[in-house]
Amino acid sequence: MPALVKLSVALFVAGEVFILAAVGVESWPVLVGWAVAALLVAGVTRLVRRPAPRIILAALLLPACIITTFEGGLFFVPAATALLLAAVMDLRHRGHVVPLGS
């Protein structure tokens, strides 16, 4: 697992912990919903092998987090951003993009 993906997972867990600490145990439905959404994204990401669709999926997570602000979506923007960066870096490492300055 690439370091940026690990960072994305860590940021997701930090968002969950922060919501739990700020709201309390009453936030369990929201936390379960976000955990299910994260598992769904992880499953789809594992199924998609090509880098370009992974970038599109990761890029769509950012507006989704902003749209779901009232359900705590803004807490997961850093995790979505790290996932997007991981997808872009994966594309670059596979040789599909010419690095800048070359």
N, C-alpha and C. Protein backbone atom coordinates (compact mmCIF):
# COMPACT_ATOMS: atom_id res chain seq x y z
N MET A 1 0.85 -1.17 0.00
CA MET A 1 0.00 0.00 0.00
C MET A 1 0.90 1.24 0.00
N PRO A 2 0.71 2.14 -0.98
CA PRO A 2 1.53 3.35 -1.05
C PRO A 2 1.36 4.23 0.20
N ALA A 3 2.37 5.02 0.47
CA ALA A 3 2.38 5.86 1.66
C ALA A 3 1.22 6.86 1.65
N LEU A 4 0.89 7.41 0.48
CA LEU A 4 -0.22 8.37 0.43
C LEU A 4 -1.56 7.71 0.70
N VAL A 5 -1.70 6.45 0.32
CA VAL A 5 -2.94 5.73 0.63
C VAL A 5 -3.02 5.47 2.13
N LYS A 6 -1.89 5.13 2.73
CA LYS A 6 -1.86 4.96 4.19
C LYS A 6 -2.20 6.27 4.88
N LEU A 7 -1.68 7.37 4.35
CA LEU A 7 -2.00 8.69 4.91
C LEU A 7 -3.49 8.98 4.77
N SER A 8 -4.07 8.62 3.65
CA SER A 8 -5.50 8.83 3.43
C SER A 8 -6.32 8.05 4.45
N VAL A 9 -5.93 6.81 4.70
CA VAL A 9 -6.63 5.99 5.70
C VAL A 9 -6.48 6.61 7.09
N ALA A 10 -5.28 7.06 7.41
CA ALA A 10 -5.04 7.68 8.72
C ALA A 10 -5.87 8.96 8.88
N LEU A 11 -5.96 9.76 7.81
CA LEU A 11 -6.76 10.98 7.88
C LEU A 11 -8.25 10.67 8.00
N PHE A 12 -8.69 9.60 7.35
CA PHE A 12 -10.09 9.19 7.48
C PHE A 12 -10.39 8.79 8.93
N VAL A 13 -9.51 7.98 9.51
CA VAL A 13 -9.71 7.55 10.90
C VAL A 13 -9.67 8.76 11.83
N ALA A 14 -8.78 9.71 11.56
CA ALA A 14 -8.71 10.92 12.38
C ALA A 14 -10.02 11.71 12.28
N GLY A 15 -10.61 11.79 11.09
CA GLY A 15 -11.90 12.46 10.92
C GLY A 15 -12.99 11.77 11.72
N GLU A 16 -13.00 10.44 11.68
CA GLU A 16 -13.99 9.68 12.46
C GLU A 16 -13.81 9.93 13.96
N VAL A 17 -12.57 9.88 14.42
CA VAL A 17 -12.29 10.08 15.84
C VAL A 17 -12.68 11.50 16.26
N PHE A 18 -12.39 12.48 15.41
CA PHE A 18 -12.73 13.86 15.76
C PHE A 18 -14.24 14.04 15.87
N ILE A 19 -15.00 13.47 14.94
CA ILE A 19 -16.47 13.57 15.02
C ILE A 19 -16.96 12.89 16.30
N LEU A 20 -16.41 11.72 16.61
CA LEU A 20 -16.81 11.01 17.82
C LEU A 20 -16.49 11.84 19.07
N ALA A 21 -15.31 12.46 19.09
CA ALA A 21 -14.92 13.26 20.25
C ALA A 21 -15.75 14.53 20.36
N ALA A 22 -16.08 15.14 19.22
CA ALA A 22 -16.81 16.41 19.25
C ALA A 22 -18.29 16.22 19.55
N VAL A 23 -18.88 15.17 19.00
CA VAL A 23 -20.33 14.99 19.13
C VAL A 23 -20.67 13.98 20.22
N GLY A 24 -19.87 12.94 20.31
CA GLY A 24 -20.16 11.90 21.30
C GLY A 24 -20.73 10.66 20.64
N VAL A 25 -21.19 9.77 21.48
CA VAL A 25 -21.70 8.49 20.97
C VAL A 25 -22.96 8.64 20.13
N GLU A 26 -23.62 9.77 20.23
CA GLU A 26 -24.82 9.99 19.43
C GLU A 26 -24.49 10.07 17.94
N SER A 27 -23.23 10.21 17.60
CA SER A 27 -22.83 10.34 16.20
C SER A 27 -22.59 8.99 15.53
N TRP A 28 -22.90 7.89 16.22
CA TRP A 28 -22.59 6.58 15.65
C TRP A 28 -23.25 6.32 14.30
N PRO A 29 -24.49 6.77 14.02
CA PRO A 29 -25.03 6.51 12.68
C PRO A 29 -24.22 7.20 11.57
N VAL A 30 -23.78 8.41 11.84
CA VAL A 30 -22.97 9.14 10.86
C VAL A 30 -21.63 8.44 10.67
N LEU A 31 -21.02 8.01 11.75
CA LEU A 31 -19.73 7.34 11.66
C LEU A 31 -19.84 6.01 10.91
N VAL A 32 -20.91 5.28 11.17
CA VAL A 32 -21.11 4.02 10.45
C VAL A 32 -21.34 4.30 8.97
N GLY A 33 -22.11 5.34 8.66
CA GLY A 33 -22.35 5.71 7.27
C GLY A 33 -21.07 6.06 6.54
N TRP A 34 -20.21 6.83 7.18
CA TRP A 34 -18.94 7.20 6.56
C TRP A 34 -18.03 5.99 6.42
N ALA A 35 -18.06 5.08 7.40
CA ALA A 35 -17.23 3.87 7.30
C ALA A 35 -17.70 3.00 6.13
N VAL A 36 -19.01 2.88 5.95
CA VAL A 36 -19.54 2.12 4.82
C VAL A 36 -19.14 2.79 3.50
N ALA A 37 -19.23 4.11 3.46
CA ALA A 37 -18.84 4.84 2.24
C ALA A 37 -17.36 4.63 1.95
N ALA A 38 -16.52 4.65 2.99
CA ALA A 38 -15.08 4.45 2.79
C ALA A 38 -14.79 3.03 2.30
N LEU A 39 -15.50 2.05 2.84
CA LEU A 39 -15.31 0.68 2.37
C LEU A 39 -15.77 0.52 0.93
N LEU A 40 -16.84 1.20 0.57
CA LEU A 40 -17.32 1.17 -0.81
C LEU A 40 -16.29 1.78 -1.76
N VAL A 41 -15.73 2.93 -1.38
CA VAL A 41 -14.70 3.58 -2.20
C VAL A 41 -13.47 2.68 -2.31
N ALA A 42 -13.07 2.06 -1.20
CA ALA A 42 -11.90 1.17 -1.23
C ALA A 42 -12.16 -0.03 -2.14
N GLY A 43 -13.36 -0.57 -2.09
CA GLY A 43 -13.70 -1.70 -2.95
C GLY A 43 -13.70 -1.33 -4.42
N VAL A 44 -14.29 -0.20 -4.74
CA VAL A 44 -14.31 0.25 -6.14
C VAL A 44 -12.89 0.56 -6.61
N THR A 45 -12.10 1.18 -5.77
CA THR A 45 -10.72 1.51 -6.13
C THR A 45 -9.91 0.25 -6.41
N ARG A 46 -10.15 -0.80 -5.66
CA ARG A 46 -9.41 -2.05 -5.89
C ARG A 46 -9.85 -2.73 -7.17
N LEU A 47 -11.12 -2.54 -7.55
CA LEU A 47 -11.62 -3.14 -8.78
C LEU A 47 -11.11 -2.42 -10.03
N VAL A 48 -10.93 -1.12 -9.91
CA VAL A 48 -10.49 -0.32 -11.05
C VAL A 48 -8.97 -0.41 -11.14
N ARG A 49 -8.49 -0.94 -12.23
CA ARG A 49 -7.04 -1.15 -12.38
C ARG A 49 -6.34 0.01 -13.07
N ARG A 50 -7.04 0.70 -13.97
CA ARG A 50 -6.39 1.77 -14.73
C ARG A 50 -6.31 3.05 -13.90
N PRO A 51 -5.24 3.80 -14.05
CA PRO A 51 -5.02 5.00 -13.23
C PRO A 51 -6.02 6.13 -13.50
N ALA A 52 -6.41 6.35 -14.76
CA ALA A 52 -7.28 7.48 -15.07
C ALA A 52 -8.64 7.37 -14.37
N PRO A 53 -9.31 6.22 -14.39
CA PRO A 53 -10.57 6.14 -13.62
C PRO A 53 -10.38 6.30 -12.12
N ARG A 54 -9.22 5.87 -11.61
CA ARG A 54 -8.96 6.07 -10.18
C ARG A 54 -8.85 7.56 -9.85
N ILE A 55 -8.23 8.32 -10.74
CA ILE A 55 -8.13 9.76 -10.53
C ILE A 55 -9.52 10.39 -10.57
N ILE A 56 -10.34 9.96 -11.52
CA ILE A 56 -11.70 10.51 -11.62
C ILE A 56 -12.49 10.18 -10.36
N LEU A 57 -12.40 8.94 -9.89
CA LEU A 57 -13.11 8.55 -8.66
C LEU A 57 -12.64 9.40 -7.48
N ALA A 58 -11.33 9.54 -7.34
CA ALA A 58 -10.79 10.32 -6.22
C ALA A 58 -11.18 11.79 -6.34
N ALA A 59 -11.20 12.31 -7.56
CA ALA A 59 -11.58 13.72 -7.76
C ALA A 59 -13.05 13.94 -7.44
N LEU A 60 -13.89 12.96 -7.69
CA LEU A 60 -15.31 13.09 -7.37
C LEU A 60 -15.58 13.05 -5.87
N LEU A 61 -14.64 12.51 -5.11
CA LEU A 61 -14.82 12.46 -3.66
C LEU A 61 -14.77 13.85 -3.03
N LEU A 62 -13.98 14.74 -3.60
CA LEU A 62 -13.87 16.09 -3.01
C LEU A 62 -15.21 16.83 -3.03
N PRO A 63 -15.90 16.96 -4.18
CA PRO A 63 -17.20 17.63 -4.13
C PRO A 63 -18.21 16.85 -3.30
N ALA A 64 -18.09 15.53 -3.27
CA ALA A 64 -19.01 14.74 -2.45
C ALA A 64 -18.84 15.07 -0.98
N CYS A 65 -17.59 15.26 -0.54
CA CYS A 65 -17.35 15.63 0.86
C CYS A 65 -17.91 17.02 1.16
N ILE A 66 -17.78 17.92 0.21
CA ILE A 66 -18.29 19.29 0.43
C ILE A 66 -19.81 19.30 0.43
N ILE A 67 -20.43 18.53 -0.46
CA ILE A 67 -21.89 18.47 -0.50
C ILE A 67 -22.45 17.90 0.79
N THR A 68 -21.74 16.96 1.39
CA THR A 68 -22.23 16.32 2.62
C THR A 68 -21.67 16.99 3.88
N THR A 69 -21.53 18.28 3.82
CA THR A 69 -20.98 19.04 4.96
C THR A 69 -21.78 18.80 6.24
N PHE A 70 -23.09 18.76 6.14
CA PHE A 70 -23.92 18.62 7.34
C PHE A 70 -23.80 17.23 7.97
N GLU A 71 -23.28 16.28 7.22
CA GLU A 71 -23.04 14.94 7.76
C GLU A 71 -21.57 14.74 8.12
N GLY A 72 -20.82 15.83 8.20
CA GLY A 72 -19.41 15.75 8.58
C GLY A 72 -18.45 15.59 7.41
N GLY A 73 -18.89 15.89 6.22
CA GLY A 73 -18.07 15.69 5.03
C GLY A 73 -16.78 16.48 5.01
N LEU A 74 -16.80 17.66 5.60
CA LEU A 74 -15.58 18.48 5.57
C LEU A 74 -14.44 17.85 6.37
N PHE A 75 -14.78 16.98 7.32
CA PHE A 75 -13.73 16.31 8.09
C PHE A 75 -12.96 15.30 7.23
N PHE A 76 -13.54 14.92 6.09
CA PHE A 76 -12.92 13.90 5.25
C PHE A 76 -12.30 14.46 3.99
N VAL A 77 -12.31 15.77 3.83
CA VAL A 77 -11.66 16.40 2.67
C VAL A 77 -10.15 16.11 2.65
N PRO A 78 -9.44 16.18 3.78
CA PRO A 78 -8.01 15.84 3.74
C PRO A 78 -7.75 14.40 3.28
N ALA A 79 -8.58 13.46 3.71
CA ALA A 79 -8.41 12.07 3.30
C ALA A 79 -8.68 11.92 1.80
N ALA A 80 -9.71 12.59 1.29
CA ALA A 80 -10.02 12.54 -0.14
C ALA A 80 -8.91 13.18 -0.96
N THR A 81 -8.34 14.26 -0.44
CA THR A 81 -7.24 14.93 -1.14
C THR A 81 -6.01 14.01 -1.21
N ALA A 82 -5.70 13.34 -0.10
CA ALA A 82 -4.56 12.41 -0.10
C ALA A 82 -4.80 11.25 -1.06
N LEU A 83 -6.05 10.79 -1.16
CA LEU A 83 -6.36 9.72 -2.10
C LEU A 83 -6.20 10.20 -3.54
N LEU A 84 -6.61 11.44 -3.81
CA LEU A 84 -6.43 12.01 -5.14
C LEU A 84 -4.94 12.13 -5.47
N LEU A 85 -4.15 12.60 -4.53
CA LEU A 85 -2.70 12.70 -4.76
C LEU A 85 -2.08 11.32 -4.97
N ALA A 86 -2.56 10.32 -4.25
CA ALA A 86 -2.04 8.96 -4.44
C ALA A 86 -2.36 8.45 -5.84
N ALA A 87 -3.56 8.75 -6.34
CA ALA A 87 -3.94 8.32 -7.68
C ALA A 87 -3.10 9.03 -8.73
N VAL A 88 -2.85 10.32 -8.54
CA VAL A 88 -2.02 11.07 -9.50
C VAL A 88 -0.59 10.55 -9.46
N MET A 89 -0.06 10.30 -8.29
CA MET A 89 1.30 9.79 -8.17
C MET A 89 1.41 8.40 -8.78
N ASP A 90 0.38 7.58 -8.65
CA ASP A 90 0.37 6.26 -9.26
C ASP A 90 0.43 6.39 -10.77
N LEU A 91 -0.28 7.35 -11.31
CA LEU A 91 -0.26 7.59 -12.75
C LEU A 91 1.14 8.00 -13.20
N ARG A 92 1.76 8.85 -12.43
CA ARG A 92 3.11 9.33 -12.78
C ARG A 92 4.14 8.20 -12.67
N HIS A 93 3.99 7.35 -11.67
CA HIS A 93 4.97 6.27 -11.49
C HIS A 93 4.82 5.18 -12.54
N ARG A 94 3.67 5.07 -13.13
CA ARG A 94 3.47 4.06 -14.16
C ARG A 94 3.99 4.54 -15.52
N GLY A 95 4.47 5.78 -15.57
CA GLY A 95 5.06 6.28 -16.79
C GLY A 95 4.07 6.85 -17.78
N HIS A 96 2.85 7.13 -17.34
CA HIS A 96 1.83 7.66 -18.25
C HIS A 96 1.94 9.16 -18.41
N VAL A 97 2.65 9.81 -17.53
CA VAL A 97 2.77 11.27 -17.59
C VAL A 97 4.24 11.61 -17.63
N VAL A 98 4.58 12.51 -18.50
CA VAL A 98 5.96 12.97 -18.59
C VAL A 98 6.20 13.95 -17.43
N PRO A 99 7.19 13.68 -16.58
CA PRO A 99 7.44 14.59 -15.46
C PRO A 99 7.81 15.98 -15.93
N LEU A 100 7.46 16.96 -15.15
CA LEU A 100 7.79 18.36 -15.48
C LEU A 100 9.29 18.54 -15.45
N GLY A 101 9.80 19.34 -16.37
CA GLY A 101 11.22 19.61 -16.40
C GLY A 101 12.02 18.60 -17.19
N SER A 102 11.36 17.65 -17.82
CA SER A 102 12.09 16.64 -18.60
C SER A 102 12.16 17.02 -20.05
